[in-house]
């Protein structure tokens, strides 16, 4: 929380000072401001005092839990990769296949999750999740390994 109190110069100077300070803070959209004008008179001279408080609740993007850097997927099954990033303002989470955009179709982005439908061997490799806001960017690389799934076998045992 920032608190400023000014009590010098004419009222127009104080208003200008308020504007300058507010302009310097680029994330005002995420702050609340309270402003109070105090007027006093001494020897027939009017003095103005301004008091304002800027309260900012901001959090740079960060991981809520450590990222699982290596992930096993199984051929023919759906695979979910998770990128649990939080912050305020809420970061925009994007997924890419290493450094290229995600192919459409079997790859579905659902919030913080990337769901790969009916995983194939060619889906193996690096995936990057990125969380970005006005306050910064954070990213992680997740390696996907695709394992084959054998056909089920029914065994009979007789005694």
N, C-alpha and C. Protein backbone atom coordinates (compact mmCIF):
# COMPACT_ATOMS: atom_id res chain seq x y z
N UNK A 1 0.86 -1.16 0.00
CA UNK A 1 0.00 0.00 0.00
C UNK A 1 0.91 1.23 0.00
N UNK A 2 0.61 2.18 -0.85
CA UNK A 2 1.34 3.43 -0.92
C UNK A 2 0.46 4.54 -0.37
N UNK A 3 1.01 5.44 0.43
CA UNK A 3 0.22 6.54 0.95
C UNK A 3 1.00 7.83 0.71
N UNK A 4 0.34 8.79 0.10
CA UNK A 4 0.95 10.08 -0.19
C UNK A 4 0.13 11.17 0.45
N UNK A 5 0.79 12.13 1.07
CA UNK A 5 0.09 13.29 1.62
C UNK A 5 0.87 14.51 1.16
N UNK A 6 0.17 15.42 0.52
CA UNK A 6 0.81 16.66 0.09
C UNK A 6 0.08 17.82 0.73
N UNK A 7 0.83 18.88 1.01
CA UNK A 7 0.18 20.04 1.60
C UNK A 7 0.91 21.33 1.25
N UNK A 8 1.44 21.39 0.07
CA UNK A 8 2.18 22.59 -0.31
C UNK A 8 1.66 23.12 -1.64
N UNK A 9 1.91 24.39 -1.89
CA UNK A 9 1.57 25.01 -3.17
C UNK A 9 0.08 25.17 -3.38
N UNK A 10 -0.26 25.82 -4.49
CA UNK A 10 -1.68 26.01 -4.83
C UNK A 10 -2.34 24.68 -5.18
N UNK A 11 -3.63 24.71 -5.16
CA UNK A 11 -4.41 23.49 -5.41
C UNK A 11 -4.09 22.90 -6.77
N UNK A 12 -3.85 23.72 -7.80
CA UNK A 12 -3.58 23.19 -9.13
C UNK A 12 -2.28 22.40 -9.16
N UNK A 13 -1.29 22.82 -8.37
CA UNK A 13 -0.03 22.08 -8.30
C UNK A 13 -0.25 20.73 -7.65
N UNK A 14 -1.04 20.69 -6.61
CA UNK A 14 -1.31 19.43 -5.94
C UNK A 14 -2.08 18.47 -6.85
N UNK A 15 -3.03 18.98 -7.61
CA UNK A 15 -3.76 18.14 -8.56
C UNK A 15 -2.81 17.59 -9.62
N UNK A 16 -1.90 18.44 -10.08
CA UNK A 16 -0.93 18.00 -11.07
C UNK A 16 -0.02 16.92 -10.48
N UNK A 17 0.40 17.11 -9.23
CA UNK A 17 1.23 16.12 -8.55
C UNK A 17 0.50 14.79 -8.45
N UNK A 18 -0.76 14.83 -8.10
CA UNK A 18 -1.56 13.61 -8.05
C UNK A 18 -1.58 12.92 -9.40
N UNK A 19 -1.77 13.68 -10.46
CA UNK A 19 -1.82 13.11 -11.81
C UNK A 19 -0.48 12.49 -12.19
N UNK A 20 0.61 13.14 -11.86
CA UNK A 20 1.94 12.61 -12.20
C UNK A 20 2.18 11.29 -11.48
N UNK A 21 1.89 11.24 -10.20
CA UNK A 21 2.12 10.01 -9.43
C UNK A 21 1.23 8.88 -9.97
N UNK A 22 -0.01 9.19 -10.24
CA UNK A 22 -0.93 8.16 -10.76
C UNK A 22 -0.49 7.68 -12.14
N UNK A 23 0.08 8.56 -12.95
CA UNK A 23 0.53 8.19 -14.28
C UNK A 23 1.76 7.29 -14.23
N UNK A 24 2.59 7.48 -13.24
CA UNK A 24 3.80 6.67 -13.12
C UNK A 24 3.45 5.22 -12.83
N UNK A 25 2.39 5.00 -12.12
CA UNK A 25 2.01 3.64 -11.77
C UNK A 25 1.22 3.05 -12.93
N UNK A 26 1.87 2.17 -13.69
CA UNK A 26 1.27 1.66 -14.92
C UNK A 26 0.20 0.61 -14.69
N UNK A 27 0.12 0.04 -13.51
CA UNK A 27 -0.85 -1.01 -13.25
C UNK A 27 -2.05 -0.52 -12.46
N UNK A 28 -2.43 0.73 -12.65
CA UNK A 28 -3.54 1.30 -11.90
C UNK A 28 -4.85 0.54 -12.07
N UNK A 29 -4.98 -0.17 -13.17
CA UNK A 29 -6.22 -0.93 -13.37
C UNK A 29 -6.42 -1.97 -12.28
N UNK A 30 -5.35 -2.33 -11.58
CA UNK A 30 -5.43 -3.35 -10.55
C UNK A 30 -5.29 -2.75 -9.15
N UNK A 31 -5.46 -1.46 -9.04
CA UNK A 31 -5.30 -0.77 -7.76
C UNK A 31 -6.58 -0.03 -7.40
N UNK A 32 -6.75 0.22 -6.11
CA UNK A 32 -7.84 1.08 -5.69
C UNK A 32 -7.22 2.35 -5.11
N UNK A 33 -7.85 3.46 -5.36
CA UNK A 33 -7.32 4.74 -4.92
C UNK A 33 -8.37 5.43 -4.07
N UNK A 34 -7.97 5.90 -2.91
CA UNK A 34 -8.86 6.76 -2.13
C UNK A 34 -8.19 8.13 -2.05
N UNK A 35 -8.99 9.16 -2.19
CA UNK A 35 -8.49 10.53 -2.31
C UNK A 35 -9.29 11.43 -1.37
N UNK A 36 -8.60 12.22 -0.57
CA UNK A 36 -9.27 13.11 0.38
C UNK A 36 -8.71 14.51 0.23
N UNK A 37 -9.59 15.49 0.16
CA UNK A 37 -9.21 16.90 0.09
C UNK A 37 -9.50 17.53 1.44
N UNK A 38 -8.49 18.12 2.03
CA UNK A 38 -8.64 18.79 3.32
C UNK A 38 -8.36 20.28 3.10
N UNK A 39 -9.25 21.11 3.57
CA UNK A 39 -9.08 22.55 3.41
C UNK A 39 -9.00 23.20 4.79
N UNK A 40 -8.05 24.10 4.95
CA UNK A 40 -7.93 24.82 6.21
C UNK A 40 -7.64 26.29 5.91
N UNK A 41 -7.94 27.13 6.86
CA UNK A 41 -7.73 28.57 6.69
C UNK A 41 -6.90 29.08 7.86
N UNK A 42 -5.82 29.79 7.52
CA UNK A 42 -4.95 30.40 8.53
C UNK A 42 -4.72 31.84 8.09
N UNK A 43 -5.08 32.77 8.96
CA UNK A 43 -4.91 34.21 8.66
C UNK A 43 -5.51 34.58 7.31
N UNK A 44 -6.75 34.19 7.11
CA UNK A 44 -7.49 34.49 5.87
C UNK A 44 -6.83 33.91 4.62
N UNK A 45 -5.98 32.96 4.78
CA UNK A 45 -5.36 32.29 3.64
C UNK A 45 -5.82 30.83 3.65
N UNK A 46 -6.26 30.35 2.51
CA UNK A 46 -6.80 28.99 2.42
C UNK A 46 -5.69 28.04 1.98
N UNK A 47 -5.55 26.97 2.71
CA UNK A 47 -4.57 25.93 2.38
C UNK A 47 -5.32 24.65 2.07
N UNK A 48 -4.84 23.96 1.06
CA UNK A 48 -5.44 22.69 0.66
C UNK A 48 -4.42 21.57 0.93
N UNK A 49 -4.90 20.50 1.46
CA UNK A 49 -4.08 19.30 1.65
C UNK A 49 -4.79 18.15 0.96
N UNK A 50 -4.01 17.33 0.30
CA UNK A 50 -4.55 16.16 -0.36
C UNK A 50 -3.93 14.93 0.28
N UNK A 51 -4.73 13.96 0.53
CA UNK A 51 -4.24 12.66 1.01
C UNK A 51 -4.86 11.59 0.13
N UNK A 52 -4.02 10.75 -0.42
CA UNK A 52 -4.58 9.64 -1.18
C UNK A 52 -3.76 8.39 -0.93
N UNK A 53 -4.45 7.28 -1.05
CA UNK A 53 -3.85 5.97 -0.81
C UNK A 53 -4.04 5.13 -2.07
N UNK A 54 -2.99 4.48 -2.48
CA UNK A 54 -3.06 3.57 -3.62
C UNK A 54 -2.79 2.17 -3.07
N UNK A 55 -3.75 1.28 -3.23
CA UNK A 55 -3.63 -0.08 -2.74
C UNK A 55 -3.64 -1.01 -3.94
N UNK A 56 -2.54 -1.69 -4.17
CA UNK A 56 -2.42 -2.56 -5.35
C UNK A 56 -2.28 -4.01 -4.92
N UNK A 57 -3.13 -4.83 -5.47
CA UNK A 57 -3.07 -6.27 -5.24
C UNK A 57 -2.63 -6.92 -6.55
N UNK A 58 -1.33 -7.09 -6.71
CA UNK A 58 -0.82 -7.66 -7.95
C UNK A 58 0.14 -8.80 -7.62
N UNK A 59 0.16 -9.80 -8.49
CA UNK A 59 1.06 -10.94 -8.34
C UNK A 59 1.59 -11.29 -9.73
N UNK A 60 2.92 -11.31 -9.87
CA UNK A 60 3.51 -11.72 -11.14
C UNK A 60 3.17 -13.18 -11.42
N UNK A 61 3.11 -13.58 -12.69
CA UNK A 61 2.82 -14.99 -12.98
C UNK A 61 3.85 -15.91 -12.32
N UNK A 62 3.35 -17.00 -11.73
CA UNK A 62 4.24 -17.99 -11.11
C UNK A 62 3.52 -19.33 -11.09
N UNK A 63 4.29 -20.38 -10.89
CA UNK A 63 3.72 -21.72 -10.85
C UNK A 63 3.10 -21.98 -9.48
N UNK A 64 1.87 -22.49 -9.47
CA UNK A 64 1.18 -22.80 -8.22
C UNK A 64 1.81 -24.05 -7.58
N UNK A 65 2.18 -25.00 -8.41
CA UNK A 65 2.88 -26.21 -7.97
C UNK A 65 4.02 -26.45 -8.96
N UNK A 66 5.06 -27.14 -8.54
CA UNK A 66 6.16 -27.41 -9.47
C UNK A 66 5.66 -28.16 -10.71
N UNK A 67 6.21 -27.79 -11.85
CA UNK A 67 5.83 -28.43 -13.11
C UNK A 67 6.45 -29.82 -13.20
N UNK A 68 5.66 -30.77 -13.66
CA UNK A 68 6.17 -32.12 -13.91
C UNK A 68 6.86 -32.07 -15.28
N UNK A 69 8.19 -32.07 -15.29
CA UNK A 69 8.98 -31.85 -16.52
C UNK A 69 8.93 -33.02 -17.51
N UNK A 70 8.70 -34.22 -17.01
CA UNK A 70 8.63 -35.41 -17.86
C UNK A 70 7.29 -36.07 -17.63
N UNK A 71 6.65 -36.43 -18.74
CA UNK A 71 5.29 -36.98 -18.64
C UNK A 71 5.18 -38.17 -19.58
N UNK A 72 4.59 -39.27 -19.08
CA UNK A 72 4.34 -40.43 -19.92
C UNK A 72 2.90 -40.40 -20.42
N UNK A 73 2.75 -40.61 -21.72
CA UNK A 73 1.45 -40.77 -22.33
C UNK A 73 1.37 -42.17 -22.90
N UNK A 74 0.18 -42.67 -23.13
CA UNK A 74 0.03 -44.03 -23.63
C UNK A 74 -0.71 -44.00 -24.96
N UNK A 75 -0.14 -44.72 -25.91
CA UNK A 75 -0.66 -44.74 -27.27
C UNK A 75 -2.13 -45.14 -27.29
N UNK A 76 -2.95 -44.28 -27.94
CA UNK A 76 -4.38 -44.52 -28.06
C UNK A 76 -5.20 -43.94 -26.92
N UNK A 77 -4.55 -43.51 -25.84
CA UNK A 77 -5.25 -42.92 -24.70
C UNK A 77 -5.17 -41.41 -24.79
N UNK A 78 -6.06 -40.74 -24.06
CA UNK A 78 -5.96 -39.27 -23.95
C UNK A 78 -4.88 -38.94 -22.92
N UNK A 79 -4.07 -37.94 -23.23
CA UNK A 79 -3.00 -37.50 -22.35
C UNK A 79 -3.25 -36.05 -21.96
N UNK A 80 -3.12 -35.74 -20.66
CA UNK A 80 -3.32 -34.37 -20.19
C UNK A 80 -2.02 -33.83 -19.59
N UNK A 81 -1.56 -32.71 -20.14
CA UNK A 81 -0.42 -31.98 -19.59
C UNK A 81 -0.99 -30.77 -18.87
N UNK A 82 -0.47 -30.49 -17.67
CA UNK A 82 -1.00 -29.39 -16.86
C UNK A 82 0.06 -28.34 -16.61
N UNK A 83 -0.36 -27.09 -16.74
CA UNK A 83 0.51 -25.94 -16.48
C UNK A 83 -0.23 -25.04 -15.49
N UNK A 84 0.00 -25.28 -14.20
CA UNK A 84 -0.75 -24.59 -13.16
C UNK A 84 -0.07 -23.28 -12.79
N UNK A 85 -0.46 -22.21 -13.49
CA UNK A 85 0.12 -20.88 -13.29
C UNK A 85 -0.95 -19.97 -12.71
N UNK A 86 -0.57 -19.15 -11.73
CA UNK A 86 -1.50 -18.17 -11.19
C UNK A 86 -0.83 -16.81 -11.15
N UNK A 87 -1.63 -15.79 -10.94
CA UNK A 87 -1.15 -14.42 -10.82
C UNK A 87 -2.34 -13.48 -10.86
N UNK A 88 -2.08 -12.22 -10.57
CA UNK A 88 -3.12 -11.21 -10.69
C UNK A 88 -2.49 -9.96 -11.29
N UNK A 89 -2.93 -9.54 -12.43
CA UNK A 89 -4.08 -10.06 -13.19
C UNK A 89 -3.82 -11.49 -13.66
N UNK A 90 -4.91 -12.20 -13.90
CA UNK A 90 -4.81 -13.60 -14.31
C UNK A 90 -4.00 -13.73 -15.59
N UNK A 91 -2.94 -14.54 -15.56
CA UNK A 91 -2.12 -14.70 -16.76
C UNK A 91 -2.85 -15.49 -17.85
N UNK A 92 -2.53 -15.17 -19.08
CA UNK A 92 -3.03 -15.92 -20.23
C UNK A 92 -2.10 -17.10 -20.43
N UNK A 93 -2.64 -18.32 -20.40
CA UNK A 93 -1.82 -19.52 -20.57
C UNK A 93 -1.93 -19.99 -22.01
N UNK A 94 -0.76 -20.16 -22.65
CA UNK A 94 -0.71 -20.64 -24.02
C UNK A 94 0.18 -21.88 -24.09
N UNK A 95 -0.10 -22.74 -25.03
CA UNK A 95 0.68 -23.95 -25.25
C UNK A 95 1.25 -23.93 -26.67
N UNK A 96 2.49 -24.39 -26.82
CA UNK A 96 3.09 -24.56 -28.15
C UNK A 96 3.81 -25.90 -28.19
N UNK A 97 4.02 -26.37 -29.37
CA UNK A 97 4.79 -27.61 -29.57
C UNK A 97 6.24 -27.17 -29.74
N UNK A 98 6.98 -27.14 -28.64
CA UNK A 98 8.33 -26.54 -28.57
C UNK A 98 8.18 -25.07 -28.91
N UNK A 99 8.50 -24.66 -30.13
CA UNK A 99 8.40 -23.24 -30.47
C UNK A 99 7.40 -22.96 -31.59
N UNK A 100 6.68 -23.97 -32.04
CA UNK A 100 5.70 -23.76 -33.11
C UNK A 100 4.29 -23.87 -32.53
N UNK A 101 3.31 -23.25 -33.20
CA UNK A 101 1.93 -23.31 -32.68
C UNK A 101 1.42 -24.76 -32.60
N UNK A 102 0.49 -24.96 -31.71
CA UNK A 102 -0.08 -26.28 -31.48
C UNK A 102 -0.94 -26.70 -32.68
N UNK A 103 -0.76 -27.95 -33.18
CA UNK A 103 -1.63 -28.41 -34.26
C UNK A 103 -3.08 -28.50 -33.79
N UNK A 104 -4.00 -28.28 -34.67
CA UNK A 104 -5.42 -28.32 -34.31
C UNK A 104 -5.96 -29.74 -34.53
N UNK A 105 -7.06 -30.00 -33.90
CA UNK A 105 -7.69 -31.30 -34.08
C UNK A 105 -7.68 -32.09 -32.79
N UNK A 106 -6.67 -32.94 -32.62
CA UNK A 106 -6.60 -33.79 -31.43
C UNK A 106 -6.03 -33.08 -30.22
N UNK A 107 -5.47 -31.88 -30.38
CA UNK A 107 -4.89 -31.12 -29.28
C UNK A 107 -5.88 -30.07 -28.82
N UNK A 108 -6.38 -30.22 -27.58
CA UNK A 108 -7.40 -29.33 -27.05
C UNK A 108 -6.84 -28.60 -25.84
N UNK A 109 -6.93 -27.26 -25.86
CA UNK A 109 -6.49 -26.47 -24.72
C UNK A 109 -7.71 -26.15 -23.88
N UNK A 110 -7.68 -26.57 -22.62
CA UNK A 110 -8.79 -26.36 -21.70
C UNK A 110 -8.25 -25.67 -20.45
N UNK A 111 -8.24 -24.34 -20.47
CA UNK A 111 -7.70 -23.58 -19.34
C UNK A 111 -6.21 -23.81 -19.20
N UNK A 112 -5.80 -24.38 -18.07
CA UNK A 112 -4.39 -24.63 -17.81
C UNK A 112 -3.92 -25.97 -18.37
N UNK A 113 -4.84 -26.77 -18.93
CA UNK A 113 -4.52 -28.11 -19.41
C UNK A 113 -4.43 -28.17 -20.92
N UNK A 114 -3.52 -29.03 -21.39
CA UNK A 114 -3.46 -29.41 -22.80
C UNK A 114 -3.85 -30.87 -22.85
N UNK A 115 -4.91 -31.17 -23.60
CA UNK A 115 -5.39 -32.55 -23.72
C UNK A 115 -5.08 -33.03 -25.13
N UNK A 116 -4.34 -34.12 -25.22
CA UNK A 116 -4.01 -34.72 -26.51
C UNK A 116 -4.88 -35.95 -26.65
N UNK A 117 -5.82 -35.89 -27.59
CA UNK A 117 -6.77 -36.98 -27.80
C UNK A 117 -6.09 -38.13 -28.56
N UNK A 118 -6.34 -39.33 -28.14
CA UNK A 118 -5.82 -40.54 -28.79
C UNK A 118 -4.34 -40.37 -29.14
N UNK A 119 -3.53 -40.28 -28.11
CA UNK A 119 -2.10 -40.01 -28.25
C UNK A 119 -1.44 -40.98 -29.23
N UNK A 120 -0.56 -40.42 -30.07
CA UNK A 120 0.17 -41.19 -31.08
C UNK A 120 1.68 -41.08 -30.80
N UNK A 121 2.47 -41.99 -31.36
CA UNK A 121 3.93 -41.90 -31.15
C UNK A 121 4.52 -40.57 -31.63
N UNK A 122 3.97 -39.98 -32.67
CA UNK A 122 4.50 -38.70 -33.17
C UNK A 122 4.20 -37.52 -32.25
N UNK A 123 3.36 -37.74 -31.23
CA UNK A 123 3.10 -36.68 -30.25
C UNK A 123 4.24 -36.56 -29.24
N UNK A 124 5.13 -37.54 -29.20
CA UNK A 124 6.25 -37.48 -28.26
C UNK A 124 7.13 -36.27 -28.57
N UNK A 125 7.69 -35.68 -27.50
CA UNK A 125 8.59 -34.54 -27.68
C UNK A 125 8.25 -33.40 -26.74
N UNK A 126 8.89 -32.25 -26.99
CA UNK A 126 8.73 -31.12 -26.06
C UNK A 126 7.46 -30.31 -26.32
N UNK A 127 6.83 -29.91 -25.21
CA UNK A 127 5.70 -28.99 -25.24
C UNK A 127 6.04 -27.85 -24.30
N UNK A 128 5.67 -26.62 -24.68
CA UNK A 128 5.96 -25.47 -23.84
C UNK A 128 4.67 -24.80 -23.41
N UNK A 129 4.56 -24.56 -22.10
CA UNK A 129 3.44 -23.77 -21.62
C UNK A 129 4.00 -22.43 -21.17
N UNK A 130 3.22 -21.39 -21.42
CA UNK A 130 3.64 -20.03 -21.11
C UNK A 130 2.48 -19.30 -20.46
N UNK A 131 2.77 -18.61 -19.35
CA UNK A 131 1.78 -17.78 -18.67
C UNK A 131 2.24 -16.34 -18.75
N UNK A 132 1.43 -15.47 -19.34
CA UNK A 132 1.82 -14.07 -19.54
C UNK A 132 0.75 -13.11 -19.05
N UNK A 133 1.22 -12.01 -18.45
CA UNK A 133 0.35 -10.90 -18.08
C UNK A 133 1.17 -9.63 -18.25
N UNK A 134 0.58 -8.48 -17.92
CA UNK A 134 1.30 -7.21 -18.02
C UNK A 134 2.51 -7.18 -17.10
N UNK A 135 2.52 -8.05 -16.10
CA UNK A 135 3.58 -8.04 -15.10
C UNK A 135 4.72 -8.98 -15.40
N UNK A 136 4.59 -9.80 -16.44
CA UNK A 136 5.69 -10.69 -16.79
C UNK A 136 5.23 -11.96 -17.45
N UNK A 137 6.21 -12.81 -17.74
CA UNK A 137 5.97 -14.09 -18.41
C UNK A 137 6.77 -15.17 -17.69
N UNK A 138 6.17 -16.35 -17.60
CA UNK A 138 6.86 -17.51 -17.05
C UNK A 138 6.58 -18.67 -18.00
N UNK A 139 7.55 -19.55 -18.18
CA UNK A 139 7.33 -20.67 -19.08
C UNK A 139 8.00 -21.92 -18.56
N UNK A 140 7.55 -23.06 -19.08
CA UNK A 140 8.10 -24.36 -18.71
C UNK A 140 8.07 -25.27 -19.93
N UNK A 141 9.06 -26.13 -20.01
CA UNK A 141 9.15 -27.12 -21.08
C UNK A 141 8.83 -28.48 -20.47
N UNK A 142 7.90 -29.19 -21.10
CA UNK A 142 7.49 -30.51 -20.62
C UNK A 142 7.77 -31.52 -21.74
N UNK A 143 8.52 -32.57 -21.41
CA UNK A 143 8.82 -33.63 -22.38
C UNK A 143 7.78 -34.73 -22.26
N UNK A 144 7.15 -35.04 -23.39
CA UNK A 144 6.16 -36.11 -23.41
C UNK A 144 6.78 -37.35 -24.05
N UNK A 145 6.69 -38.46 -23.34
CA UNK A 145 7.12 -39.76 -23.85
C UNK A 145 5.87 -40.58 -24.09
N UNK A 146 5.76 -41.19 -25.28
CA UNK A 146 4.58 -41.99 -25.61
C UNK A 146 4.97 -43.46 -25.53
N UNK A 147 4.27 -44.20 -24.69
CA UNK A 147 4.53 -45.63 -24.47
C UNK A 147 3.49 -46.45 -25.20
N UNK A 148 3.91 -47.57 -25.81
CA UNK A 148 2.93 -48.43 -26.48
C UNK A 148 2.11 -49.19 -25.44
N UNK A 149 0.91 -49.50 -25.85
CA UNK A 149 0.02 -50.27 -24.97
C UNK A 149 -0.21 -51.61 -25.66
N UNK A 150 0.13 -52.70 -24.96
CA UNK A 150 -0.06 -54.04 -25.53
C UNK A 150 -1.52 -54.44 -25.51
N UNK A 151 -1.82 -55.43 -26.33
CA UNK A 151 -3.19 -55.93 -26.37
C UNK A 151 -3.44 -56.78 -25.13
N UNK A 152 -4.65 -56.69 -24.61
CA UNK A 152 -4.94 -57.48 -23.40
C UNK A 152 -4.92 -58.97 -23.72
N UNK A 153 -4.46 -59.74 -22.76
CA UNK A 153 -4.43 -61.19 -22.92
C UNK A 153 -5.27 -61.82 -21.82
N UNK A 154 -5.98 -62.86 -22.19
CA UNK A 154 -6.77 -63.60 -21.21
C UNK A 154 -6.08 -64.94 -20.99
N UNK A 155 -5.75 -65.17 -19.78
CA UNK A 155 -5.05 -66.41 -19.43
C UNK A 155 -5.97 -67.29 -18.58
N UNK A 156 -5.97 -68.56 -18.89
CA UNK A 156 -6.74 -69.52 -18.11
C UNK A 156 -5.77 -70.38 -17.33
N UNK A 157 -6.07 -70.54 -16.09
CA UNK A 157 -5.26 -71.39 -15.26
C UNK A 157 -6.15 -72.49 -14.71
N UNK A 158 -5.73 -73.72 -14.92
CA UNK A 158 -6.52 -74.84 -14.39
C UNK A 158 -5.67 -75.65 -13.44
N UNK A 159 -6.27 -76.15 -12.44
CA UNK A 159 -5.57 -76.95 -11.42
C UNK A 159 -6.06 -78.34 -11.45
